[in-house]
Protein backbone atom coordinates (compact mmCIF):
# COMPACT_ATOMS: atom_id res chain seq x y z
CA MET A 1 77.45 77.23 115.17
CA ARG A 2 78.69 75.75 118.26
CA CYS A 3 81.69 77.09 120.91
CA SER A 4 84.84 75.43 119.77
CA ILE A 5 85.51 75.04 123.55
CA CYS A 6 82.84 74.37 125.71
CA ASP A 7 80.61 72.74 122.35
CA GLN A 8 78.07 74.55 123.62
CA LYS A 9 75.28 76.41 121.07
CA ILE A 10 75.93 79.94 120.82
CA GLU A 11 72.80 82.39 120.57
CA LEU A 12 72.10 84.37 117.71
CA THR A 13 70.88 88.24 117.71
CA PHE A 14 68.04 89.90 115.47
CA LEU A 15 69.93 90.70 113.19
CA ASP A 16 72.13 87.06 113.16
CA LYS A 17 74.82 88.09 114.22
CA ILE A 18 76.40 85.64 116.71
CA LYS A 19 77.12 86.42 120.45
CA GLY A 20 80.19 85.82 120.88
CA THR A 21 83.80 85.77 118.76
CA TYR A 22 86.17 83.89 116.28
CA ILE A 23 90.05 83.53 117.51
CA LYS A 24 92.57 82.03 114.62
CA LYS A 25 88.61 81.45 112.77
CA LYS A 26 87.50 78.84 115.31
CA LEU A 27 83.73 80.50 117.58
CA VAL A 28 84.26 81.15 121.43
CA CYS A 29 80.83 81.89 123.96
CA ARG A 30 80.55 84.26 125.60
CA VAL A 31 80.83 81.73 128.79
CA CYS A 32 84.22 80.76 128.11
CA GLN A 33 85.49 84.53 126.89
CA GLN A 34 84.74 85.29 130.47
CA LYS A 35 85.66 82.24 132.03
CA TYR A 36 89.77 82.29 130.43
CA LYS A 37 91.56 85.02 129.26
CA LYS A 38 93.17 85.76 125.70
CA GLU A 39 96.43 83.52 125.92
CA GLU A 40 95.00 80.54 127.24
CA LEU A 41 91.94 80.18 124.44
CA LEU A 42 95.07 80.75 122.45
CA GLN A 43 95.89 77.58 124.12
CA LYS A 44 92.17 75.78 123.96
CA ILE A 45 92.53 76.40 120.60
C-alpha cells in the first residue's frame, strides 16, 4: 500500500492495520497528515 500524495510505502501494525488514514477513499500516510492541513490534503487528492 502506498500514499496517494507522496507515493511512500505505508507501514502496517501487527494486526495488519495501516498507519495512516483514508481521505475520500484514498490512502494518506502519517507524514503527509502532519505536513499538510485537511484543506490542503483534499486539494492534493
